Amino acid sequence: LTKHFRALRVWLPLLLHGEEPFRACLREK
């Protein structure tokens, strides 16, 4: 019921950086 606002820590980097850096990082690993 008491819930941390976790969405912001996902939303901000996704919109700030876009998806492509995440894809590149996964491919690199």
Full PDB file with SEQRES, HELIX, SHEET, SSBOND, CRYST1, ORIGX, SCALE, CONECT and MASTER records, all heavy atoms in Angstrom:
SEQRES   1 A   29  LEU THR LYS HIS PHE ARG ALA LEU ARG VAL TRP LEU PRO          
SEQRES   2 A   29  LEU LEU LEU HIS GLY GLU GLU PRO PHE ARG ALA CYS LEU          
SEQRES   3 A   29  ARG GLU LYS                                                  
HELIX    1 AA1 ALA A    7  HIS A   17  1                                  11    
HELIX    2 AA2 GLU A   20  GLU A   28  1                                   9    
CRYST1    1.000    1.000    1.000  90.00  90.00  90.00 P 1           1          
ORIGX1      1.000000  0.000000  0.000000        0.00000                         
ORIGX2      0.000000  1.000000  0.000000        0.00000                         
ORIGX3      0.000000  0.000000  1.000000        0.00000                         
SCALE1      1.000000  0.000000  0.000000        0.00000                         
SCALE2      0.000000  1.000000  0.000000        0.00000                         
SCALE3      0.000000  0.000000  1.000000        0.00000                         
ATOM      1  N   LEU A   1       0.852  -1.176   0.000  1.00  0.00           N  
ATOM      2  CA  LEU A   1       0.000   0.000   0.000  1.00  0.00           C  
ATOM      3  C   LEU A   1       0.900   1.242   0.000  1.00  0.00           C  
ATOM      4  O   LEU A   1       0.765   2.115  -0.841  1.00  0.00           O  
ATOM      5  CB  LEU A   1      -0.935   0.012   1.206  1.00  0.00           C  
ATOM      6  CG  LEU A   1      -1.866   1.228   1.318  1.00  0.00           C  
ATOM      7  CD1 LEU A   1      -2.715   1.398   0.073  1.00  0.00           C  
ATOM      8  CD2 LEU A   1      -2.743   1.123   2.556  1.00  0.00           C  
ATOM      9  N   THR A   2       1.832   1.297   0.949  1.00  0.00           N  
ATOM     10  CA  THR A   2       2.852   2.331   0.905  1.00  0.00           C  
ATOM     11  C   THR A   2       3.859   1.925  -0.164  1.00  0.00           C  
ATOM     12  O   THR A   2       4.512   0.894  -0.050  1.00  0.00           O  
ATOM     13  CB  THR A   2       3.559   2.464   2.261  1.00  0.00           C  
ATOM     14  OG1 THR A   2       2.592   2.773   3.264  1.00  0.00           O  
ATOM     15  CG2 THR A   2       4.602   3.560   2.216  1.00  0.00           C  
ATOM     16  N   LYS A   3       3.970   2.722  -1.199  1.00  0.00           N  
ATOM     17  CA  LYS A   3       4.739   2.318  -2.370  1.00  0.00           C  
ATOM     18  C   LYS A   3       5.681   3.432  -2.802  1.00  0.00           C  
ATOM     19  O   LYS A   3       5.254   4.572  -3.012  1.00  0.00           O  
ATOM     20  CB  LYS A   3       3.784   1.966  -3.517  1.00  0.00           C  
ATOM     21  CG  LYS A   3       4.460   1.489  -4.800  1.00  0.00           C  
ATOM     22  CD  LYS A   3       3.396   1.174  -5.835  1.00  0.00           C  
ATOM     23  CE  LYS A   3       3.989   0.894  -7.199  1.00  0.00           C  
ATOM     24  NZ  LYS A   3       4.731  -0.362  -7.260  1.00  0.00           N  
ATOM     25  N   HIS A   4       6.952   3.085  -2.939  1.00  0.00           N  
ATOM     26  CA  HIS A   4       7.946   4.022  -3.435  1.00  0.00           C  
ATOM     27  C   HIS A   4       7.641   4.385  -4.896  1.00  0.00           C  
ATOM     28  O   HIS A   4       7.161   3.556  -5.667  1.00  0.00           O  
ATOM     29  CB  HIS A   4       9.335   3.391  -3.326  1.00  0.00           C  
ATOM     30  CG  HIS A   4      10.430   4.237  -3.887  1.00  0.00           C  
ATOM     31  ND1 HIS A   4      10.754   5.462  -3.367  1.00  0.00           N  
ATOM     32  CD2 HIS A   4      11.281   4.039  -4.916  1.00  0.00           C  
ATOM     33  CE1 HIS A   4      11.755   5.977  -4.049  1.00  0.00           C  
ATOM     34  NE2 HIS A   4      12.091   5.150  -5.002  1.00  0.00           N  
ATOM     35  N   PHE A   5       7.951   5.608  -5.264  1.00  0.00           N  
ATOM     36  CA  PHE A   5       7.722   6.088  -6.627  1.00  0.00           C  
ATOM     37  C   PHE A   5       8.852   5.564  -7.523  1.00  0.00           C  
ATOM     38  O   PHE A   5       9.726   6.304  -7.958  1.00  0.00           O  
ATOM     39  CB  PHE A   5       7.678   7.615  -6.609  1.00  0.00           C  
ATOM     40  CG  PHE A   5       7.342   8.259  -7.921  1.00  0.00           C  
ATOM     41  CD1 PHE A   5       6.730   7.563  -8.960  1.00  0.00           C  
ATOM     42  CD2 PHE A   5       7.627   9.603  -8.119  1.00  0.00           C  
ATOM     43  CE1 PHE A   5       6.434   8.167 -10.161  1.00  0.00           C  
ATOM     44  CE2 PHE A   5       7.334  10.232  -9.317  1.00  0.00           C  
ATOM     45  CZ  PHE A   5       6.735   9.507 -10.339  1.00  0.00           C  
ATOM     46  N   ARG A   6       8.790   4.267  -7.837  1.00  0.00           N  
ATOM     47  CA  ARG A   6       9.865   3.626  -8.604  1.00  0.00           C  
ATOM     48  C   ARG A   6       9.830   3.991 -10.077  1.00  0.00           C  
ATOM     49  O   ARG A   6      10.849   3.928 -10.759  1.00  0.00           O  
ATOM     50  CB  ARG A   6       9.764   2.104  -8.467  1.00  0.00           C  
ATOM     51  CG  ARG A   6       9.897   1.600  -7.041  1.00  0.00           C  
ATOM     52  CD  ARG A   6       9.889   0.082  -6.964  1.00  0.00           C  
ATOM     53  NE  ARG A   6       9.913  -0.339  -5.580  1.00  0.00           N  
ATOM     54  CZ  ARG A   6       8.839  -0.726  -4.895  1.00  0.00           C  
ATOM     55  NH1 ARG A   6       7.651  -0.779  -5.501  1.00  0.00           N  
ATOM     56  NH2 ARG A   6       8.926  -1.080  -3.628  1.00  0.00           N  
ATOM     57  N   ALA A   7       8.659   4.328 -10.572  1.00  0.00           N  
ATOM     58  CA  ALA A   7       8.534   4.576 -12.012  1.00  0.00           C  
ATOM     59  C   ALA A   7       9.463   5.681 -12.484  1.00  0.00           C  
ATOM     60  O   ALA A   7       9.965   5.636 -13.605  1.00  0.00           O  
ATOM     61  CB  ALA A   7       7.086   4.915 -12.357  1.00  0.00           C  
ATOM     62  N   LEU A   8       9.699   6.683 -11.636  1.00  0.00           N  
ATOM     63  CA  LEU A   8      10.508   7.822 -12.069  1.00  0.00           C  
ATOM     64  C   LEU A   8      11.937   7.399 -12.382  1.00  0.00           C  
ATOM     65  O   LEU A   8      12.549   7.910 -13.322  1.00  0.00           O  
ATOM     66  CB  LEU A   8      10.495   8.911 -10.988  1.00  0.00           C  
ATOM     67  CG  LEU A   8      11.129  10.246 -11.374  1.00  0.00           C  
ATOM     68  CD1 LEU A   8      10.416  10.860 -12.579  1.00  0.00           C  
ATOM     69  CD2 LEU A   8      11.101  11.218 -10.187  1.00  0.00           C  
ATOM     70  N   ARG A   9      12.480   6.444 -11.624  1.00  0.00           N  
ATOM     71  CA  ARG A   9      13.859   6.002 -11.869  1.00  0.00           C  
ATOM     72  C   ARG A   9      13.975   5.174 -13.150  1.00  0.00           C  
ATOM     73  O   ARG A   9      15.088   4.947 -13.637  1.00  0.00           O  
ATOM     74  CB  ARG A   9      14.382   5.189 -10.687  1.00  0.00           C  
ATOM     75  CG  ARG A   9      13.584   3.952 -10.387  1.00  0.00           C  
ATOM     76  CD  ARG A   9      14.321   2.957  -9.529  1.00  0.00           C  
ATOM     77  NE  ARG A   9      14.712   3.500  -8.231  1.00  0.00           N  
ATOM     78  CZ  ARG A   9      15.244   2.739  -7.277  1.00  0.00           C  
ATOM     79  NH1 ARG A   9      15.416   1.439  -7.480  1.00  0.00           N  
ATOM     80  NH2 ARG A   9      15.596   3.258  -6.131  1.00  0.00           N  
ATOM     81  N   VAL A  10      12.842   4.717 -13.678  1.00  0.00           N  
ATOM     82  CA  VAL A  10      12.831   4.031 -14.969  1.00  0.00           C  
ATOM     83  C   VAL A  10      12.531   5.025 -16.093  1.00  0.00           C  
ATOM     84  O   VAL A  10      13.189   5.037 -17.126  1.00  0.00           O  
ATOM     85  CB  VAL A  10      11.777   2.896 -14.996  1.00  0.00           C  
ATOM     86  CG1 VAL A  10      11.946   2.047 -16.242  1.00  0.00           C  
ATOM     87  CG2 VAL A  10      11.870   2.035 -13.736  1.00  0.00           C  
ATOM     88  N   TRP A  11      11.546   5.852 -15.865  1.00  0.00           N  
ATOM     89  CA  TRP A  11      11.060   6.794 -16.878  1.00  0.00           C  
ATOM     90  C   TRP A  11      12.120   7.819 -17.250  1.00  0.00           C  
ATOM     91  O   TRP A  11      12.370   8.074 -18.439  1.00  0.00           O  
ATOM     92  CB  TRP A  11       9.808   7.473 -16.326  1.00  0.00           C  
ATOM     93  CG  TRP A  11       9.164   8.490 -17.212  1.00  0.00           C  
ATOM     94  CD1 TRP A  11       8.264   8.277 -18.216  1.00  0.00           C  
ATOM     95  CD2 TRP A  11       9.344   9.916 -17.146  1.00  0.00           C  
ATOM     96  NE1 TRP A  11       7.866   9.471 -18.776  1.00  0.00           N  
ATOM     97  CE2 TRP A  11       8.516  10.492 -18.144  1.00  0.00           C  
ATOM     98  CE3 TRP A  11      10.119  10.757 -16.339  1.00  0.00           C  
ATOM     99  CZ2 TRP A  11       8.453  11.870 -18.346  1.00  0.00           C  
ATOM    100  CZ3 TRP A  11      10.057  12.124 -16.543  1.00  0.00           C  
ATOM    101  CH2 TRP A  11       9.234  12.669 -17.540  1.00  0.00           C  
ATOM    102  N   LEU A  12      12.762   8.426 -16.243  1.00  0.00           N  
ATOM    103  CA  LEU A  12      13.701   9.515 -16.530  1.00  0.00           C  
ATOM    104  C   LEU A  12      14.871   9.057 -17.401  1.00  0.00           C  
ATOM    105  O   LEU A  12      15.146   9.679 -18.441  1.00  0.00           O  
ATOM    106  CB  LEU A  12      14.191  10.142 -15.225  1.00  0.00           C  
ATOM    107  CG  LEU A  12      15.115  11.354 -15.393  1.00  0.00           C  
ATOM    108  CD1 LEU A  12      14.386  12.498 -16.075  1.00  0.00           C  
ATOM    109  CD2 LEU A  12      15.658  11.807 -14.037  1.00  0.00           C  
ATOM    110  N   PRO A  13      15.593   7.977 -17.053  1.00  0.00           N  
ATOM    111  CA  PRO A  13      16.698   7.574 -17.934  1.00  0.00           C  
ATOM    112  C   PRO A  13      16.248   7.096 -19.306  1.00  0.00           C  
ATOM    113  O   PRO A  13      16.945   7.328 -20.299  1.00  0.00           O  
ATOM    114  CB  PRO A  13      17.394   6.459 -17.147  1.00  0.00           C  
ATOM    115  CG  PRO A  13      16.427   6.002 -16.136  1.00  0.00           C  
ATOM    116  CD  PRO A  13      15.567   7.185 -15.805  1.00  0.00           C  
ATOM    117  N   LEU A  14      15.093   6.429 -19.383  1.00  0.00           N  
ATOM    118  CA  LEU A  14      14.615   5.969 -20.688  1.00  0.00           C  
ATOM    119  C   LEU A  14      14.341   7.136 -21.625  1.00  0.00           C  
ATOM    120  O   LEU A  14      14.697   7.100 -22.806  1.00  0.00           O  
ATOM    121  CB  LEU A  14      13.352   5.128 -20.522  1.00  0.00           C  
ATOM    122  CG  LEU A  14      13.517   3.615 -20.437  1.00  0.00           C  
ATOM    123  CD1 LEU A  14      12.170   2.949 -20.206  1.00  0.00           C  
ATOM    124  CD2 LEU A  14      14.194   3.040 -21.665  1.00  0.00           C  
ATOM    125  N   LEU A  15      13.700   8.173 -21.093  1.00  0.00           N  
ATOM    126  CA  LEU A  15      13.388   9.316 -21.950  1.00  0.00           C  
ATOM    127  C   LEU A  15      14.580  10.241 -22.126  1.00  0.00           C  
ATOM    128  O   LEU A  15      14.713  10.896 -23.163  1.00  0.00           O  
ATOM    129  CB  LEU A  15      12.195  10.082 -21.388  1.00  0.00           C  
ATOM    130  CG  LEU A  15      10.823   9.546 -21.868  1.00  0.00           C  
ATOM    131  CD1 LEU A  15      10.500   8.207 -21.248  1.00  0.00           C  
ATOM    132  CD2 LEU A  15       9.715  10.542 -21.604  1.00  0.00           C  
ATOM    133  N   LEU A  16      15.444  10.279 -21.131  1.00  0.00           N  
ATOM    134  CA  LEU A  16      16.628  11.131 -21.227  1.00  0.00           C  
ATOM    135  C   LEU A  16      17.620  10.593 -22.252  1.00  0.00           C  
ATOM    136  O   LEU A  16      18.194  11.352 -23.050  1.00  0.00           O  
ATOM    137  CB  LEU A  16      17.297  11.244 -19.855  1.00  0.00           C  
ATOM    138  CG  LEU A  16      18.548  12.111 -19.765  1.00  0.00           C  
ATOM    139  CD1 LEU A  16      18.212  13.572 -20.027  1.00  0.00           C  
ATOM    140  CD2 LEU A  16      19.204  11.955 -18.397  1.00  0.00           C  
ATOM    141  N   HIS A  17      17.833   9.263 -22.239  1.00  0.00           N  
ATOM    142  CA  HIS A  17      18.839   8.653 -23.115  1.00  0.00           C  
ATOM    143  C   HIS A  17      18.250   8.006 -24.360  1.00  0.00           C  
ATOM    144  O   HIS A  17      18.955   7.819 -25.355  1.00  0.00           O  
ATOM    145  CB  HIS A  17      19.638   7.590 -22.341  1.00  0.00           C  
ATOM    146  CG  HIS A  17      20.364   8.115 -21.153  1.00  0.00           C  
ATOM    147  ND1 HIS A  17      21.326   9.086 -21.238  1.00  0.00           N  
ATOM    148  CD2 HIS A  17      20.269   7.795 -19.834  1.00  0.00           C  
ATOM    149  CE1 HIS A  17      21.809   9.351 -20.028  1.00  0.00           C  
ATOM    150  NE2 HIS A  17      21.176   8.589 -19.163  1.00  0.00           N  
ATOM    151  N   GLY A  18      16.964   7.640 -24.318  1.00  0.00           N  
ATOM    152  CA  GLY A  18      16.400   6.850 -25.402  1.00  0.00           C  
ATOM    153  C   GLY A  18      16.773   5.385 -25.245  1.00  0.00           C  
ATOM    154  O   GLY A  18      17.609   5.014 -24.411  1.00  0.00           O  
ATOM    155  N   GLU A  19      16.185   4.518 -26.047  1.00  0.00           N  
ATOM    156  CA  GLU A  19      16.401   3.070 -25.922  1.00  0.00           C  
ATOM    157  C   GLU A  19      17.763   2.614 -26.420  1.00  0.00           C  
ATOM    158  O   GLU A  19      18.311   1.615 -25.927  1.00  0.00           O  
ATOM    159  CB  GLU A  19      15.320   2.310 -26.702  1.00  0.00           C  
ATOM    160  CG  GLU A  19      13.924   2.411 -26.126  1.00  0.00           C  
ATOM    161  CD  GLU A  19      12.930   1.617 -26.953  1.00  0.00           C  
ATOM    162  OE1 GLU A  19      13.260   1.254 -28.109  1.00  0.00           O  
ATOM    163  OE2 GLU A  19      11.815   1.361 -26.469  1.00  0.00           O  
ATOM    164  N   GLU A  20      18.325   3.291 -27.409  1.00  0.00           N  
ATOM    165  CA  GLU A  20      19.500   2.747 -28.096  1.00  0.00           C  
ATOM    166  C   GLU A  20      20.709   2.519 -27.208  1.00  0.00           C  
ATOM    167  O   GLU A  20      21.402   1.502 -27.353  1.00  0.00           O  
ATOM    168  CB  GLU A  20      19.859   3.625 -29.293  1.00  0.00           C  
ATOM    169  CG  GLU A  20      18.922   3.443 -30.480  1.00  0.00           C  
ATOM    170  CD  GLU A  20      18.699   1.972 -30.828  1.00  0.00           C  
ATOM    171  OE1 GLU A  20      19.694   1.241 -31.007  1.00  0.00           O  
ATOM    172  OE2 GLU A  20      17.534   1.549 -30.897  1.00  0.00           O  
ATOM    173  N   PRO A  21      21.062   3.421 -26.273  1.00  0.00           N  
ATOM    174  CA  PRO A  21      22.210   3.120 -25.409  1.00  0.00           C  
ATOM    175  C   PRO A  21      22.008   1.861 -24.570  1.00  0.00           C  
ATOM    176  O   PRO A  21      22.979   1.135 -24.295  1.00  0.00           O  
ATOM    177  CB  PRO A  21      22.329   4.365 -24.525  1.00  0.00           C  
ATOM    178  CG  PRO A  21      21.686   5.447 -25.310  1.00  0.00           C  
ATOM    179  CD  PRO A  21      20.563   4.787 -26.050  1.00  0.00           C  
ATOM    180  N   PHE A  22      20.768   1.582 -24.178  1.00  0.00           N  
ATOM    181  CA  PHE A  22      20.489   0.365 -23.422  1.00  0.00           C  
ATOM    182  C   PHE A  22      20.728  -0.862 -24.308  1.00  0.00           C  
ATOM    183  O   PHE A  22      21.318  -1.860 -23.849  1.00  0.00           O  
ATOM    184  CB  PHE A  22      19.048   0.387 -22.908  1.00  0.00           C  
ATOM    185  CG  PHE A  22      18.791   1.423 -21.850  1.00  0.00           C  
ATOM    186  CD1 PHE A  22      18.359   2.693 -22.199  1.00  0.00           C  
ATOM    187  CD2 PHE A  22      18.994   1.139 -20.514  1.00  0.00           C  
ATOM    188  CE1 PHE A  22      18.127   3.660 -21.236  1.00  0.00           C  
ATOM    189  CE2 PHE A  22      18.765   2.094 -19.533  1.00  0.00           C  
ATOM    190  CZ  PHE A  22      18.331   3.358 -19.899  1.00  0.00           C  
ATOM    191  N   ARG A  23      20.270  -0.788 -25.537  1.00  0.00           N  
ATOM    192  CA  ARG A  23      20.494  -1.908 -26.461  1.00  0.00           C  
ATOM    193  C   ARG A  23      21.988  -2.121 -26.704  1.00  0.00           C  
ATOM    194  O   ARG A  23      22.481  -3.260 -26.701  1.00  0.00           O  
ATOM    195  CB  ARG A  23      19.784  -1.649 -27.786  1.00  0.00           C  
ATOM    196  CG  ARG A  23      18.268  -1.716 -27.718  1.00  0.00           C  
ATOM    197  CD  ARG A  23      17.672  -1.766 -29.124  1.00  0.00           C  
ATOM    198  NE  ARG A  23      16.232  -1.948 -29.073  1.00  0.00           N  
ATOM    199  CZ  ARG A  23      15.344  -0.965 -29.146  1.00  0.00           C  
ATOM    200  NH1 ARG A  23      15.766   0.289 -29.285  1.00  0.00           N  
ATOM    201  NH2 ARG A  23      14.045  -1.199 -29.089  1.00  0.00           N  
ATOM    202  N   ALA A  24      22.713  -1.039 -26.923  1.00  0.00           N  
ATOM    203  CA  ALA A  24      24.154  -1.153 -27.183  1.00  0.00           C  
ATOM    204  C   ALA A  24      24.862  -1.776 -25.992  1.00  0.00           C  
ATOM    205  O   ALA A  24      25.756  -2.622 -26.157  1.00  0.00           O  
ATOM    206  CB  ALA A  24      24.737   0.221 -27.496  1.00  0.00           C  
ATOM    207  N   CYS A  25      24.465  -1.373 -24.808  1.00  0.00           N  
ATOM    208  CA  CYS A  25      25.105  -1.900 -23.597  1.00  0.00           C  
ATOM    209  C   CYS A  25      24.831  -3.394 -23.448  1.00  0.00           C  
ATOM    210  O   CYS A  25      25.727  -4.166 -23.088  1.00  0.00           O  
ATOM    211  CB  CYS A  25      24.590  -1.127 -22.388  1.00  0.00           C  
ATOM    212  SG  CYS A  25      25.736  -1.092 -20.997  1.00  0.00           S  
ATOM    213  N   LEU A  26      23.602  -3.828 -23.715  1.00  0.00           N  
ATOM    214  CA  LEU A  26      23.284  -5.250 -23.638  1.00  0.00           C  
ATOM    215  C   LEU A  26      24.087  -6.048 -24.671  1.00  0.00           C  
ATOM    216  O   LEU A  26      24.613  -7.132 -24.362  1.00  0.00           O  
ATOM    217  CB  LEU A  26      21.791  -5.462 -23.855  1.00  0.00           C  
ATOM    218  CG  LEU A  26      20.863  -5.005 -22.722  1.00  0.00           C  
ATOM    219  CD1 LEU A  26      19.413  -5.057 -23.169  1.00  0.00           C  
ATOM    220  CD2 LEU A  26      21.067  -5.847 -21.472  1.00  0.00           C  
ATOM    221  N   ARG A  27      24.172  -5.529 -25.876  1.00  0.00           N  
ATOM    222  CA  ARG A  27      24.956  -6.225 -26.910  1.00  0.00           C  
ATOM    223  C   ARG A  27      26.424  -6.331 -26.508  1.00  0.00           C  
ATOM    224  O   ARG A  27      27.081  -7.360 -26.712  1.00  0.00           O  
ATOM    225  CB  ARG A  27      24.825  -5.499 -28.246  1.00  0.00           C  
ATOM    226  CG  ARG A  27      23.473  -5.642 -28.918  1.00  0.00           C  
ATOM    227  CD  ARG A  27      23.472  -5.091 -30.338  1.00  0.00           C  
ATOM    228  NE  ARG A  27      22.197  -5.351 -30.997  1.00  0.00           N  
ATOM    229  CZ  ARG A  27      21.240  -4.444 -31.169  1.00  0.00           C  
ATOM    230  NH1 ARG A  27      21.429  -3.198 -30.748  1.00  0.00           N  
ATOM    231  NH2 ARG A  27      20.102  -4.767 -31.772  1.00  0.00           N  
ATOM    232  N   GLU A  28      26.944  -5.249 -25.953  1.00  0.00           N  
ATOM    233  CA  GLU A  28      28.347  -5.256 -25.515  1.00  0.00           C  
ATOM    234  C   GLU A  28      28.579  -6.348 -24.480  1.00  0.00           C  
ATOM    235  O   GLU A  28      29.583  -7.068 -24.546  1.00  0.00           O  
ATOM    236  CB  GLU A  28      28.710  -3.890 -24.932  1.00  0.00           C  
ATOM    237  CG  GLU A  28      30.148  -3.822 -24.410  1.00  0.00           C  
ATOM    238  CD  GLU A  28      30.369  -2.655 -23.481  1.00  0.00           C  
ATOM    239  OE1 GLU A  28      29.385  -2.121 -22.916  1.00  0.00           O  
ATOM    240  OE2 GLU A  28      31.538  -2.281 -23.293  1.00  0.00           O  
ATOM    241  N   LYS A  29      27.680  -6.501 -23.527  1.00  0.00           N  
ATOM    242  CA  LYS A  29      27.876  -7.494 -22.463  1.00  0.00           C  
ATOM    243  C   LYS A  29      27.834  -8.920 -23.032  1.00  0.00           C  
ATOM    244  O   LYS A  29      28.562  -9.803 -22.569  1.00  0.00           O  
ATOM    245  CB  LYS A  29      26.833  -7.330 -21.364  1.00  0.00           C  
ATOM    246  CG  LYS A  29      26.729  -5.928 -20.786  1.00  0.00           C  
ATOM    247  CD  LYS A  29      28.071  -5.249 -20.547  1.00  0.00           C  
ATOM    248  CE  LYS A  29      27.849  -3.783 -20.234  1.00  0.00           C  
ATOM    249  NZ  LYS A  29      29.071  -2.976 -20.369  1.00  0.00           N  
TER     250      LYS A  29                                                      
MASTER        0    0    0    2    0    0    0    6  249    1    0    3          
END                                                                             
